[in-house]
Amino acid sequence: MDCDGCERRVKSAVTSLRGVRSVEIIRKQSKVTVTGHVDPNKVLKKVKETGKKRAEFWPYIEHNLVAYPYVAGAYDKRAPPGYVKDVPQAYSSSYNLPQDNISTFFSDDNANACSIM
C-alpha cells in the first residue's frame, strides 16, 4: 500500500464483510490484520478486488516459534524484524511426537494406559 487512499479503500472493503470486528493496517509492512468471525479466503478475495493483485496470506511467523529459524527457505531478508517464513523445514521432528503419544495415551492397546475407576 502506497497512500492513504489505498489504505482507506482496503479498510472499507474489509469492514463491509459480515463478522469483521476490527481491521488494523500497517502500511509500512503492507499488512492487514482482520479480527472477527470471517472466512479468511473471503477477506483475501475482497482485498484483491480493491486492486491489490499481489495480496496473499501473511507468510511470516515469529522466529521464536520455530526450532530452526535460519534453515534454508525460512530466513527471508524482506521479513520484518523478528519474523521468518513459515516453512515445514524450520520445525523439529519432536514437535509431532506429543501428538502421537496423546492419541494412544488412553488406548486399550497400550499396556501402560491410564484407567479411571
PDB file of N, CA and C in Angstrom:
ATOM      1  N   MET A   1       0.839  -1.173   0.000  1.00  0.00           N
ATOM      2  CA  MET A   1       0.000   0.000   0.000  1.00  0.00           C
ATOM      3  C   MET A   1       0.887   1.240   0.000  1.00  0.00           C
ATOM      4  N   ASP A   2       0.544   2.157  -0.847  1.00  0.00           N
ATOM      5  CA  ASP A   2       1.403   3.317  -1.038  1.00  0.00           C
ATOM      6  C   ASP A   2       0.853   4.599  -0.437  1.00  0.00           C
ATOM      7  N   CYS A   3      -0.463   4.730  -0.357  1.00  0.00           N
ATOM      8  CA  CYS A   3      -1.020   6.021   0.045  1.00  0.00           C
ATOM      9  C   CYS A   3      -2.223   5.829   0.973  1.00  0.00           C
ATOM     10  N   ASP A   4      -2.731   6.957   1.467  1.00  0.00           N
ATOM     11  CA  ASP A   4      -3.900   6.922   2.344  1.00  0.00           C
ATOM     12  C   ASP A   4      -5.135   6.405   1.611  1.00  0.00           C
ATOM     13  N   GLY A   5      -5.235   6.704   0.321  1.00  0.00           N
ATOM     14  CA  GLY A   5      -6.386   6.251  -0.458  1.00  0.00           C
ATOM     15  C   GLY A   5      -6.451   4.735  -0.547  1.00  0.00           C
ATOM     16  N   CYS A   6      -5.294   4.115  -0.788  1.00  0.00           N
ATOM     17  CA  CYS A   6      -5.250   2.641  -0.840  1.00  0.00           C
ATOM     18  C   CYS A   6      -5.651   2.057   0.508  1.00  0.00           C
ATOM     19  N   GLU A   7      -5.124   2.640   1.557  1.00  0.00           N
ATOM     20  CA  GLU A   7      -5.419   2.147   2.900  1.00  0.00           C
ATOM     21  C   GLU A   7      -6.909   2.258   3.214  1.00  0.00           C
ATOM     22  N   ARG A   8      -7.510   3.396   2.881  1.00  0.00           N
ATOM     23  CA  ARG A   8      -8.951   3.592   3.126  1.00  0.00           C
ATOM     24  C   ARG A   8      -9.794   2.632   2.302  1.00  0.00           C
ATOM     25  N   ARG A   9      -9.394   2.419   1.031  1.00  0.00           N
ATOM     26  CA  ARG A   9     -10.149   1.538   0.155  1.00  0.00           C
ATOM     27  C   ARG A   9     -10.148   0.093   0.676  1.00  0.00           C
ATOM     28  N   VAL A  10      -8.977  -0.381   1.115  1.00  0.00           N
ATOM     29  CA  VAL A  10      -8.873  -1.740   1.652  1.00  0.00           C
ATOM     30  C   VAL A  10      -9.641  -1.856   2.959  1.00  0.00           C
ATOM     31  N   LYS A  11      -9.492  -0.856   3.829  1.00  0.00           N
ATOM     32  CA  LYS A  11     -10.165  -0.910   5.124  1.00  0.00           C
ATOM     33  C   LYS A  11     -11.686  -0.900   4.969  1.00  0.00           C
ATOM     34  N   SER A  12     -12.202  -0.062   4.088  1.00  0.00           N
ATOM     35  CA  SER A  12     -13.659  -0.006   3.918  1.00  0.00           C
ATOM     36  C   SER A  12     -14.189  -1.288   3.271  1.00  0.00           C
ATOM     37  N   ALA A  13     -13.410  -1.876   2.356  1.00  0.00           N
ATOM     38  CA  ALA A  13     -13.848  -3.115   1.706  1.00  0.00           C
ATOM     39  C   ALA A  13     -13.899  -4.258   2.713  1.00  0.00           C
ATOM     40  N   VAL A  14     -12.904  -4.347   3.590  1.00  0.00           N
ATOM     41  CA  VAL A  14     -12.840  -5.454   4.541  1.00  0.00           C
ATOM     42  C   VAL A  14     -13.854  -5.269   5.667  1.00  0.00           C
ATOM     43  N   THR A  15     -14.054  -4.043   6.130  1.00  0.00           N
ATOM     44  CA  THR A  15     -15.017  -3.825   7.214  1.00  0.00           C
ATOM     45  C   THR A  15     -16.447  -4.058   6.758  1.00  0.00           C
ATOM     46  N   SER A  16     -16.683  -4.031   5.440  1.00  0.00           N
ATOM     47  CA  SER A  16     -18.040  -4.278   4.954  1.00  0.00           C
ATOM     48  C   SER A  16     -18.418  -5.756   5.028  1.00  0.00           C
ATOM     49  N   LEU A  17     -17.424  -6.629   5.233  1.00  0.00           N
ATOM     50  CA  LEU A  17     -17.710  -8.060   5.345  1.00  0.00           C
ATOM     51  C   LEU A  17     -18.425  -8.366   6.656  1.00  0.00           C
ATOM     52  N   ARG A  18     -19.311  -9.320   6.606  1.00  0.00           N
ATOM     53  CA  ARG A  18     -20.077  -9.721   7.787  1.00  0.00           C
ATOM     54  C   ARG A  18     -19.187 -10.519   8.740  1.00  0.00           C
ATOM     55  N   GLY A  19     -19.163 -10.156  10.014  1.00  0.00           N
ATOM     56  CA  GLY A  19     -18.396 -10.863  11.028  1.00  0.00           C
ATOM     57  C   GLY A  19     -17.078 -10.202  11.393  1.00  0.00           C
ATOM     58  N   VAL A  20     -16.701  -9.137  10.693  1.00  0.00           N
ATOM     59  CA  VAL A  20     -15.443  -8.457  10.979  1.00  0.00           C
ATOM     60  C   VAL A  20     -15.637  -7.542  12.177  1.00  0.00           C
ATOM     61  N   ARG A  21     -14.798  -7.726  13.207  1.00  0.00           N
ATOM     62  CA  ARG A  21     -14.868  -6.873  14.400  1.00  0.00           C
ATOM     63  C   ARG A  21     -13.936  -5.681  14.297  1.00  0.00           C
ATOM     64  N   SER A  22     -12.695  -5.918  13.839  1.00  0.00           N
ATOM     65  CA  SER A  22     -11.757  -4.808  13.710  1.00  0.00           C
ATOM     66  C   SER A  22     -10.782  -5.079  12.569  1.00  0.00           C
ATOM     67  N   VAL A  23     -10.238  -3.996  12.039  1.00  0.00           N
ATOM     68  CA  VAL A  23      -9.259  -4.072  10.958  1.00  0.00           C
ATOM     69  C   VAL A  23      -8.090  -3.179  11.332  1.00  0.00           C
ATOM     70  N   GLU A  24      -6.886  -3.740  11.317  1.00  0.00           N
ATOM     71  CA  GLU A  24      -5.681  -2.978  11.612  1.00  0.00           C
ATOM     72  C   GLU A  24      -4.771  -3.046  10.391  1.00  0.00           C
ATOM     73  N   ILE A  25      -4.314  -1.881   9.937  1.00  0.00           N
ATOM     74  CA  ILE A  25      -3.463  -1.826   8.752  1.00  0.00           C
ATOM     75  C   ILE A  25      -2.121  -1.218   9.132  1.00  0.00           C
ATOM     76  N   ILE A  26      -1.051  -1.920   8.759  1.00  0.00           N
ATOM     77  CA  ILE A  26       0.308  -1.418   8.931  1.00  0.00           C
ATOM     78  C   ILE A  26       0.857  -1.186   7.539  1.00  0.00           C
ATOM     79  N   ARG A  27       0.858   0.063   7.114  1.00  0.00           N
ATOM     80  CA  ARG A  27       1.207   0.395   5.741  1.00  0.00           C
ATOM     81  C   ARG A  27       2.671   0.089   5.443  1.00  0.00           C
ATOM     82  N   LYS A  28       3.558   0.293   6.399  1.00  0.00           N
ATOM     83  CA  LYS A  28       4.986   0.070   6.179  1.00  0.00           C
ATOM     84  C   LYS A  28       5.272  -1.380   5.810  1.00  0.00           C
ATOM     85  N   GLN A  29       4.548  -2.323   6.401  1.00  0.00           N
ATOM     86  CA  GLN A  29       4.731  -3.734   6.107  1.00  0.00           C
ATOM     87  C   GLN A  29       3.723  -4.241   5.072  1.00  0.00           C
ATOM     88  N   SER A  30       2.810  -3.390   4.641  1.00  0.00           N
ATOM     89  CA  SER A  30       1.710  -3.787   3.749  1.00  0.00           C
ATOM     90  C   SER A  30       0.945  -4.950   4.348  1.00  0.00           C
ATOM     91  N   LYS A  31       0.585  -4.806   5.601  1.00  0.00           N
ATOM     92  CA  LYS A  31      -0.057  -5.880   6.353  1.00  0.00           C
ATOM     93  C   LYS A  31      -1.429  -5.422   6.838  1.00  0.00           C
ATOM     94  N   VAL A  32      -2.428  -6.276   6.613  1.00  0.00           N
ATOM     95  CA  VAL A  32      -3.786  -6.024   7.083  1.00  0.00           C
ATOM     96  C   VAL A  32      -4.146  -7.146   8.055  1.00  0.00           C
ATOM     97  N   THR A  33      -4.519  -6.785   9.285  1.00  0.00           N
ATOM     98  CA  THR A  33      -4.916  -7.770  10.290  1.00  0.00           C
ATOM     99  C   THR A  33      -6.402  -7.611  10.540  1.00  0.00           C
ATOM    100  N   VAL A  34      -7.150  -8.695  10.319  1.00  0.00           N
ATOM    101  CA  VAL A  34      -8.598  -8.679  10.487  1.00  0.00           C
ATOM    102  C   VAL A  34      -8.956  -9.547  11.679  1.00  0.00           C
ATOM    103  N   THR A  35      -9.774  -9.010  12.587  1.00  0.00           N
ATOM    104  CA  THR A  35     -10.221  -9.742  13.763  1.00  0.00           C
ATOM    105  C   THR A  35     -11.724  -9.947  13.666  1.00  0.00           C
ATOM    106  N   GLY A  36     -12.176 -11.156  13.980  1.00  0.00           N
ATOM    107  CA  GLY A  36     -13.598 -11.459  13.948  1.00  0.00           C
ATOM    108  C   GLY A  36     -13.846 -12.857  13.420  1.00  0.00           C
ATOM    109  N   HIS A  37     -15.105 -13.174  13.228  1.00  0.00           N
ATOM    110  CA  HIS A  37     -15.505 -14.476  12.695  1.00  0.00           C
ATOM    111  C   HIS A  37     -15.841 -14.307  11.224  1.00  0.00           C
ATOM    112  N   VAL A  38     -14.824 -14.494  10.391  1.00  0.00           N
ATOM    113  CA  VAL A  38     -14.987 -14.310   8.955  1.00  0.00           C
ATOM    114  C   VAL A  38     -14.055 -15.285   8.237  1.00  0.00           C
ATOM    115  N   ASP A  39     -14.465 -15.731   7.067  1.00  0.00           N
ATOM    116  CA  ASP A  39     -13.672 -16.657   6.276  1.00  0.00           C
ATOM    117  C   ASP A  39     -12.441 -15.936   5.726  1.00  0.00           C
ATOM    118  N   PRO A  40     -11.232 -16.443   5.997  1.00  0.00           N
ATOM    119  CA  PRO A  40     -10.023 -15.775   5.511  1.00  0.00           C
ATOM    120  C   PRO A  40      -9.968 -15.659   3.992  1.00  0.00           C
ATOM    121  N   ASN A  41     -10.502 -16.635   3.287  1.00  0.00           N
ATOM    122  CA  ASN A  41     -10.492 -16.573   1.824  1.00  0.00           C
ATOM    123  C   ASN A  41     -11.371 -15.448   1.300  1.00  0.00           C
ATOM    124  N   LYS A  42     -12.484 -15.159   1.999  1.00  0.00           N
ATOM    125  CA  LYS A  42     -13.344 -14.037   1.601  1.00  0.00           C
ATOM    126  C   LYS A  42     -12.624 -12.718   1.801  1.00  0.00           C
ATOM    127  N   VAL A  43     -11.859 -12.611   2.887  1.00  0.00           N
ATOM    128  CA  VAL A  43     -11.098 -11.381   3.142  1.00  0.00           C
ATOM    129  C   VAL A  43     -10.062 -11.184   2.043  1.00  0.00           C
ATOM    130  N   LEU A  44      -9.348 -12.246   1.714  1.00  0.00           N
ATOM    131  CA  LEU A  44      -8.326 -12.153   0.662  1.00  0.00           C
ATOM    132  C   LEU A  44      -8.948 -11.769  -0.672  1.00  0.00           C
ATOM    133  N   LYS A  45     -10.083 -12.356  -0.995  1.00  0.00           N
ATOM    134  CA  LYS A  45     -10.769 -12.038  -2.251  1.00  0.00           C
ATOM    135  C   LYS A  45     -11.202 -10.575  -2.276  1.00  0.00           C
ATOM    136  N   LYS A  46     -11.712 -10.086  -1.147  1.00  0.00           N
ATOM    137  CA  LYS A  46     -12.174  -8.694  -1.068  1.00  0.00           C
ATOM    138  C   LYS A  46     -11.009  -7.723  -1.231  1.00  0.00           C
ATOM    139  N   VAL A  47      -9.856  -8.068  -0.638  1.00  0.00           N
ATOM    140  CA  VAL A  47      -8.677  -7.203  -0.774  1.00  0.00           C
ATOM    141  C   VAL A  47      -8.199  -7.198  -2.221  1.00  0.00           C
ATOM    142  N   LYS A  48      -8.230  -8.348  -2.882  1.00  0.00           N
ATOM    143  CA  LYS A  48      -7.807  -8.414  -4.281  1.00  0.00           C
ATOM    144  C   LYS A  48      -8.746  -7.622  -5.185  1.00  0.00           C
ATOM    145  N   GLU A  49     -10.019  -7.547  -4.827  1.00  0.00           N
ATOM    146  CA  GLU A  49     -10.986  -6.790  -5.623  1.00  0.00           C
ATOM    147  C   GLU A  49     -10.727  -5.286  -5.572  1.00  0.00           C
ATOM    148  N   THR A  50     -10.006  -4.818  -4.553  1.00  0.00           N
ATOM    149  CA  THR A  50      -9.710  -3.387  -4.458  1.00  0.00           C
ATOM    150  C   THR A  50      -8.561  -2.981  -5.369  1.00  0.00           C
ATOM    151  N   GLY A  51      -7.941  -3.959  -6.053  1.00  0.00           N
ATOM    152  CA  GLY A  51      -6.847  -3.644  -6.964  1.00  0.00           C
ATOM    153  C   GLY A  51      -5.508  -4.126  -6.474  1.00  0.00           C
ATOM    154  N   LYS A  52      -5.460  -4.750  -5.331  1.00  0.00           N
ATOM    155  CA  LYS A  52      -4.212  -5.284  -4.778  1.00  0.00           C
ATOM    156  C   LYS A  52      -4.028  -6.712  -5.280  1.00  0.00           C
ATOM    157  N   LYS A  53      -3.461  -6.843  -6.469  1.00  0.00           N
ATOM    158  CA  LYS A  53      -3.337  -8.153  -7.115  1.00  0.00           C
ATOM    159  C   LYS A  53      -2.363  -9.075  -6.397  1.00  0.00           C
ATOM    160  N   ARG A  54      -1.386  -8.518  -5.705  1.00  0.00           N
ATOM    161  CA  ARG A  54      -0.390  -9.347  -5.032  1.00  0.00           C
ATOM    162  C   ARG A  54      -0.787  -9.677  -3.597  1.00  0.00           C
ATOM    163  N   ALA A  55      -2.012  -9.553  -3.256  1.00  0.00           N
ATOM    164  CA  ALA A  55      -2.461  -9.852  -1.894  1.00  0.00           C
ATOM    165  C   ALA A  55      -2.306 -11.344  -1.623  1.00  0.00           C
ATOM    166  N   GLU A  56      -1.790 -11.672  -0.432  1.00  0.00           N
ATOM    167  CA  GLU A  56      -1.600 -13.057  -0.025  1.00  0.00           C
ATOM    168  C   GLU A  56      -1.684 -13.131   1.491  1.00  0.00           C
ATOM    169  N   PHE A  57      -1.816 -14.340   2.010  1.00  0.00           N
ATOM    170  CA  PHE A  57      -1.825 -14.518   3.454  1.00  0.00           C
ATOM    171  C   PHE A  57      -0.446 -14.195   3.998  1.00  0.00           C
ATOM    172  N   TRP A  58      -0.377 -13.712   5.228  1.00  0.00           N
ATOM    173  CA  TRP A  58       0.881 -13.317   5.852  1.00  0.00           C
ATOM    174  C   TRP A  58       1.769 -14.553   5.975  1.00  0.00           C
ATOM    175  N   PRO A  59       2.908 -14.579   5.276  1.00  0.00           N
ATOM    176  CA  PRO A  59       3.734 -15.793   5.233  1.00  0.00           C
ATOM    177  C   PRO A  59       4.734 -15.913   6.380  1.00  0.00           C
ATOM    178  N   TYR A  60       4.735 -14.961   7.315  1.00  0.00           N
ATOM    179  CA  TYR A  60       5.762 -14.947   8.346  1.00  0.00           C
ATOM    180  C   TYR A  60       5.198 -15.311   9.716  1.00  0.00           C
ATOM    181  N   ILE A  61       6.056 -15.898  10.551  1.00  0.00           N
ATOM    182  CA  ILE A  61       5.729 -16.154  11.947  1.00  0.00           C
ATOM    183  C   ILE A  61       6.907 -15.675  12.789  1.00  0.00           C
ATOM    184  N   GLU A  62       6.692 -15.525  14.078  1.00  0.00           N
ATOM    185  CA  GLU A  62       7.769 -15.053  14.945  1.00  0.00           C
ATOM    186  C   GLU A  62       8.880 -16.092  14.989  1.00  0.00           C
ATOM    187  N   HIS A  63      10.109 -15.610  14.987  1.00  0.00           N
ATOM    188  CA  HIS A  63      11.245 -16.539  14.906  1.00  0.00           C
ATOM    189  C   HIS A  63      11.400 -17.414  16.142  1.00  0.00           C
ATOM    190  N   ASN A  64      10.839 -17.025  17.272  1.00  0.00           N
ATOM    191  CA  ASN A  64      10.966 -17.845  18.479  1.00  0.00           C
ATOM    192  C   ASN A  64       9.953 -18.983  18.520  1.00  0.00           C
ATOM    193  N   LEU A  65       9.082 -19.102  17.527  1.00  0.00           N
ATOM    194  CA  LEU A  65       8.103 -20.184  17.475  1.00  0.00           C
ATOM    195  C   LEU A  65       8.589 -21.392  16.686  1.00  0.00           C
ATOM    196  N   VAL A  66       9.738 -21.274  16.043  1.00  0.00           N
ATOM    197  CA  VAL A  66      10.284 -22.389  15.269  1.00  0.00           C
ATOM    198  C   VAL A  66      11.617 -22.820  15.860  1.00  0.00           C
ATOM    199  N   ALA A  67      11.982 -24.080  15.639  1.00  0.00           N
ATOM    200  CA  ALA A  67      13.224 -24.618  16.188  1.00  0.00           C
ATOM    201  C   ALA A  67      14.444 -24.151  15.402  1.00  0.00           C
ATOM    202  N   TYR A  68      14.311 -24.048  14.092  1.00  0.00           N
ATOM    203  CA  TYR A  68      15.441 -23.676  13.243  1.00  0.00           C
ATOM    204  C   TYR A  68      15.072 -22.467  12.390  1.00  0.00           C
ATOM    205  N   PRO A  69      15.199 -21.246  12.932  1.00  0.00           N
ATOM    206  CA  PRO A  69      14.748 -20.073  12.175  1.00  0.00           C
ATOM    207  C   PRO A  69      15.630 -19.703  10.986  1.00  0.00           C
ATOM    208  N   TYR A  70      16.867 -20.223  10.912  1.00  0.00           N
ATOM    209  CA  TYR A  70      17.753 -19.834   9.816  1.00  0.00           C
ATOM    210  C   TYR A  70      17.995 -20.962   8.819  1.00  0.00           C
ATOM    211  N   VAL A  71      17.088 -21.941   8.788  1.00  0.00           N
ATOM    212  CA  VAL A  71      17.178 -23.010   7.801  1.00  0.00           C
ATOM    213  C   VAL A  71      16.877 -22.427   6.418  1.00  0.00           C
ATOM    214  N   ALA A  72      17.407 -23.070   5.387  1.00  0.00           N
ATOM    215  CA  ALA A  72      17.189 -22.586   4.021  1.00  0.00           C
ATOM    216  C   ALA A  72      15.695 -22.519   3.722  1.00  0.00           C
ATOM    217  N   GLY A  73      15.253 -21.392   3.240  1.00  0.00           N
ATOM    218  CA  GLY A  73      13.848 -21.205   2.904  1.00  0.00           C
ATOM    219  C   GLY A  73      13.072 -20.471   3.979  1.00  0.00           C
ATOM    220  N   ALA A  74      13.522 -20.537   5.223  1.00  0.00           N
ATOM    221  CA  ALA A  74      12.802 -19.865   6.303  1.00  0.00           C
ATOM    222  C   ALA A  74      13.283 -18.434   6.477  1.00  0.00           C
ATOM    223  N   TYR A  75      14.581 -18.227   6.349  1.00  0.00           N
ATOM    224  CA  TYR A  75      15.132 -16.885   6.520  1.00  0.00           C
ATOM    225  C   TYR A  75      14.872 -16.066   5.270  1.00  0.00           C
ATOM    226  N   ASP A  76      14.261 -14.912   5.451  1.00  0.00           N
ATOM    227  CA  ASP A  76      13.916 -14.042   4.331  1.00  0.00           C
ATOM    228  C   ASP A  76      14.354 -12.628   4.678  1.00  0.00           C
ATOM    229  N   LYS A  77      15.146 -12.018   3.818  1.00  0.00           N
ATOM    230  CA  LYS A  77      15.648 -10.668   4.078  1.00  0.00           C
ATOM    231  C   LYS A  77      14.528  -9.635   4.087  1.00  0.00           C
ATOM    232  N   ARG A  78      13.433  -9.920   3.394  1.00  0.00           N
ATOM    233  CA  ARG A  78      12.318  -8.968   3.330  1.00  0.00           C
ATOM    234  C   ARG A  78      11.376  -9.076   4.517  1.00  0.00           C
ATOM    235  N   ALA A  79      11.593 -10.082   5.366  1.00  0.00           N
ATOM    236  CA  ALA A  79      10.717 -10.279   6.528  1.00  0.00           C
ATOM    237  C   ALA A  79      10.936  -9.159   7.539  1.00  0.00           C
ATOM    238  N   PRO A  80       9.885  -8.762   8.253  1.00  0.00           N
ATOM    239  CA  PRO A  80      10.047  -7.763   9.303  1.00  0.00           C
ATOM    240  C   PRO A  80      10.966  -8.294  10.396  1.00  0.00           C
ATOM    241  N   PRO A  81      11.567  -7.420  11.192  1.00  0.00           N
ATOM    242  CA  PRO A  81      12.455  -7.884  12.264  1.00  0.00           C
ATOM    243  C   PRO A  81      11.732  -8.827  13.223  1.00  0.00           C
ATOM    244  N   GLY A  82      12.373  -9.943  13.539  1.00  0.00           N
ATOM    245  CA  GLY A  82      11.797 -10.908  14.466  1.00  0.00           C
ATOM    246  C   GLY A  82      10.881 -11.924  13.820  1.00  0.00           C
ATOM    247  N   TYR A  83      10.779 -11.939  12.493  1.00  0.00           N
ATOM    248  CA  TYR A  83       9.900 -12.859  11.778  1.00  0.00           C
ATOM    249  C   TYR A  83      10.696 -13.690  10.773  1.00  0.00           C
ATOM    250  N   VAL A  84      10.248 -14.914  10.530  1.00  0.00           N
ATOM    251  CA  VAL A  84      10.787 -15.786   9.488  1.00  0.00           C
ATOM    252  C   VAL A  84       9.609 -16.388   8.738  1.00  0.00           C
ATOM    253  N   LYS A  85       9.891 -16.968   7.553  1.00  0.00           N
ATOM    254  CA  LYS A  85       8.825 -17.611   6.782  1.00  0.00           C
ATOM    255  C   LYS A  85       8.377 -18.893   7.473  1.00  0.00           C
ATOM    256  N   ASP A  86       7.115 -19.199   7.347  1.00  0.00           N
ATOM    257  CA  ASP A  86       6.545 -20.408   7.936  1.00  0.00           C
ATOM    258  C   ASP A  86       6.721 -21.565   6.958  1.00  0.00           C
ATOM    259  N   VAL A  87       7.816 -22.322   7.144  1.00  0.00           N
ATOM    260  CA  VAL A  87       8.112 -23.464   6.285  1.00  0.00           C
ATOM    261  C   VAL A  87       8.263 -24.711   7.148  1.00  0.00           C
ATOM    262  N   PRO A  88       7.920 -25.874   6.636  1.00  0.00           N
ATOM    263  CA  PRO A  88       7.998 -27.110   7.440  1.00  0.00           C
ATOM    264  C   PRO A  88       9.418 -27.461   7.885  1.00  0.00           C
ATOM    265  N   GLN A  89      10.443 -27.052   7.129  1.00  0.00           N
ATOM    266  CA  GLN A  89      11.809 -27.388   7.476  1.00  0.00           C
ATOM    267  C   GLN A  89      12.273 -26.701   8.762  1.00  0.00           C
ATOM    268  N   ALA A  90      11.607 -25.639   9.171  1.00  0.00           N
ATOM    269  CA  ALA A  90      12.025 -24.892  10.357  1.00  0.00           C
ATOM    270  C   ALA A  90      11.596 -25.574  11.643  1.00  0.00           C
ATOM    271  N   TYR A  91      10.684 -26.523  11.560  1.00  0.00           N
ATOM    272  CA  TYR A  91      10.206 -27.221  12.748  1.00  0.00           C
ATOM    273  C   TYR A  91      11.025 -28.485  12.973  1.00  0.00           C
ATOM    274  N   SER A  92      11.291 -28.792  14.232  1.00  0.00           N
ATOM    275  CA  SER A  92      11.992 -30.044  14.521  1.00  0.00           C
ATOM    276  C   SER A  92      10.985 -31.187  14.517  1.00  0.00           C
ATOM    277  N   SER A  93      11.465 -32.395  14.358  1.00  0.00           N
ATOM    278  CA  SER A  93      10.566 -33.544  14.309  1.00  0.00           C
ATOM    279  C   SER A  93       9.953 -33.843  15.671  1.00  0.00           C
ATOM    280  N   SER A  94      10.525 -33.300  16.747  1.00  0.00           N
ATOM    281  CA  SER A  94       9.988 -33.570  18.088  1.00  0.00           C
ATOM    282  C   SER A  94       8.663 -32.857  18.332  1.00  0.00           C
ATOM    283  N   TYR A  95       8.318 -31.858  17.495  1.00  0.00           N
ATOM    284  CA  TYR A  95       7.041 -31.179  17.667  1.00  0.00           C
ATOM    285  C   TYR A  95       5.872 -32.113  17.387  1.00  0.00           C
ATOM    286  N   ASN A  96       6.056 -33.123  16.544  1.00  0.00           N
ATOM    287  CA  ASN A  96       4.984 -34.042  16.205  1.00  0.00           C
ATOM    288  C   ASN A  96       4.855 -35.189  17.200  1.00  0.00           C
ATOM    289  N   LEU A  97       5.873 -35.441  17.996  1.00  0.00           N
ATOM    290  CA  LEU A  97       5.841 -36.576  18.911  1.00  0.00           C
ATOM    291  C   LEU A  97       4.753 -36.491  19.967  1.00  0.00           C
ATOM    292  N   PRO A  98       4.542 -35.382  20.645  1.00  0.00           N
ATOM    293  CA  PRO A  98       3.490 -35.368  21.661  1.00  0.00           C
ATOM    294  C   PRO A  98       2.102 -35.672  21.114  1.00  0.00           C
ATOM    295  N   GLN A  99       1.814 -35.259  19.894  1.00  0.00           N
ATOM    296  CA  GLN A  99       0.504 -35.530  19.323  1.00  0.00           C
ATOM    297  C   GLN A  99       0.312 -37.029  19.113  1.00  0.00           C
ATOM    298  N   ASP A 100       1.366 -37.728  18.697  1.00  0.00           N
ATOM    299  CA  ASP A 100       1.278 -39.169  18.507  1.00  0.00           C
ATOM    300  C   ASP A 100       1.091 -39.878  19.846  1.00  0.00           C
ATOM    301  N   ASN A 101       1.806 -39.421  20.862  1.00  0.00           N
ATOM    302  CA  ASN A 101       1.699 -40.050  22.174  1.00  0.00           C
ATOM    303  C   ASN A 101       0.328 -39.821  22.800  1.00  0.00           C
ATOM    304  N   ILE A 102      -0.236 -38.666  22.614  1.00  0.00           N
ATOM    305  CA  ILE A 102      -1.541 -38.356  23.193  1.00  0.00           C
ATOM    306  C   ILE A 102      -2.627 -39.223  22.568  1.00  0.00           C
ATOM    307  N   SER A 103      -2.494 -39.533  21.292  1.00  0.00           N
ATOM    308  CA  SER A 103      -3.534 -40.324  20.629  1.00  0.00           C
ATOM    309  C   SER A 103      -3.610 -41.748  21.180  1.00  0.00           C
ATOM    310  N   THR A 104      -2.516 -42.276  21.704  1.00  0.00           N
ATOM    311  CA  THR A 104      -2.530 -43.628  22.261  1.00  0.00           C
ATOM    312  C   THR A 104      -2.494 -43.634  23.778  1.00  0.00           C
ATOM    313  N   PHE A 105      -2.616 -42.496  24.404  1.00  0.00           N
ATOM    314  CA  PHE A 105      -2.498 -42.404  25.857  1.00  0.00           C
ATOM    315  C   PHE A 105      -3.593 -43.188  26.577  1.00  0.00           C
ATOM    316  N   PHE A 106      -4.823 -43.127  26.093  1.00  0.00           N
ATOM    317  CA  PHE A 106      -5.945 -43.826  26.716  1.00  0.00           C
ATOM    318  C   PHE A 106      -6.389 -45.027  25.880  1.00  0.00           C
ATOM    319  N   SER A 107      -5.509 -45.578  25.086  1.00  0.00           N
ATOM    320  CA  SER A 107      -5.848 -46.682  24.207  1.00  0.00           C
ATOM    321  C   SER A 107      -5.845 -48.010  24.961  1.00  0.00           C
ATOM    322  N   ASP A 108      -6.720 -48.942  24.574  1.00  0.00           N
ATOM    323  CA  ASP A 108      -6.731 -50.284  25.158  1.00  0.00           C
ATOM    324  C   ASP A 108      -5.521 -51.087  24.691  1.00  0.00           C
ATOM    325  N   ASP A 109      -4.946 -50.713  23.568  1.00  0.00           N
ATOM    326  CA  ASP A 109      -3.772 -51.409  23.057  1.00  0.00           C
ATOM    327  C   ASP A 109      -2.514 -51.078  23.852  1.00  0.00           C
ATOM    328  N   ASN A 110      -2.524 -49.939  24.548  1.00  0.00           N
ATOM    329  CA  ASN A 110      -1.375 -49.502  25.326  1.00  0.00           C
ATOM    330  C   ASN A 110      -1.421 -50.183  26.702  1.00  0.00           C
ATOM    331  N   ALA A 111      -0.405 -50.970  27.019  1.00  0.00           N
ATOM    332  CA  ALA A 111      -0.385 -51.688  28.311  1.00  0.00           C
ATOM    333  C   ALA A 111      -0.249 -50.732  29.482  1.00  0.00           C
ATOM    334  N   ASN A 112       0.343 -49.569  29.262  1.00  0.00           N
ATOM    335  CA  ASN A 112       0.545 -48.596  30.337  1.00  0.00           C
ATOM    336  C   ASN A 112      -0.532 -47.506  30.307  1.00  0.00           C
ATOM    337  N   ALA A 113      -1.657 -47.770  29.684  1.00  0.00           N
ATOM    338  CA  ALA A 113      -2.715 -46.772  29.552  1.00  0.00           C
ATOM    339  C   ALA A 113      -3.310 -46.444  30.916  1.00  0.00           C
ATOM    340  N   CYS A 114      -3.747 -45.244  31.041  1.00  0.00           N
ATOM    341  CA  CYS A 114      -4.355 -44.779  32.281  1.00  0.00           C
ATOM    342  C   CYS A 114      -5.800 -45.288  32.338  1.00  0.00           C
ATOM    343  N   SER A 115      -6.196 -45.747  33.495  1.00  0.00           N
ATOM    344  CA  SER A 115      -7.592 -46.197  33.638  1.00  0.00           C
ATOM    345  C   SER A 115      -8.237 -45.420  34.768  1.00  0.00           C
ATOM    346  N   ILE A 116      -9.487 -45.084  34.581  1.00  0.00           N
ATOM    347  CA  ILE A 116     -10.245 -44.330  35.578  1.00  0.00           C
ATOM    348  C   ILE A 116     -11.337 -45.214  36.115  1.00  0.00           C
ATOM    349  N   MET A 117     -11.418 -45.308  37.428  1.00  0.00           N
ATOM    350  CA  MET A 117     -12.444 -46.150  38.060  1.00  0.00           C
ATOM    351  C   MET A 117     -13.360 -45.308  38.884  1.00  0.00           C
TER     352      MET A 117
END
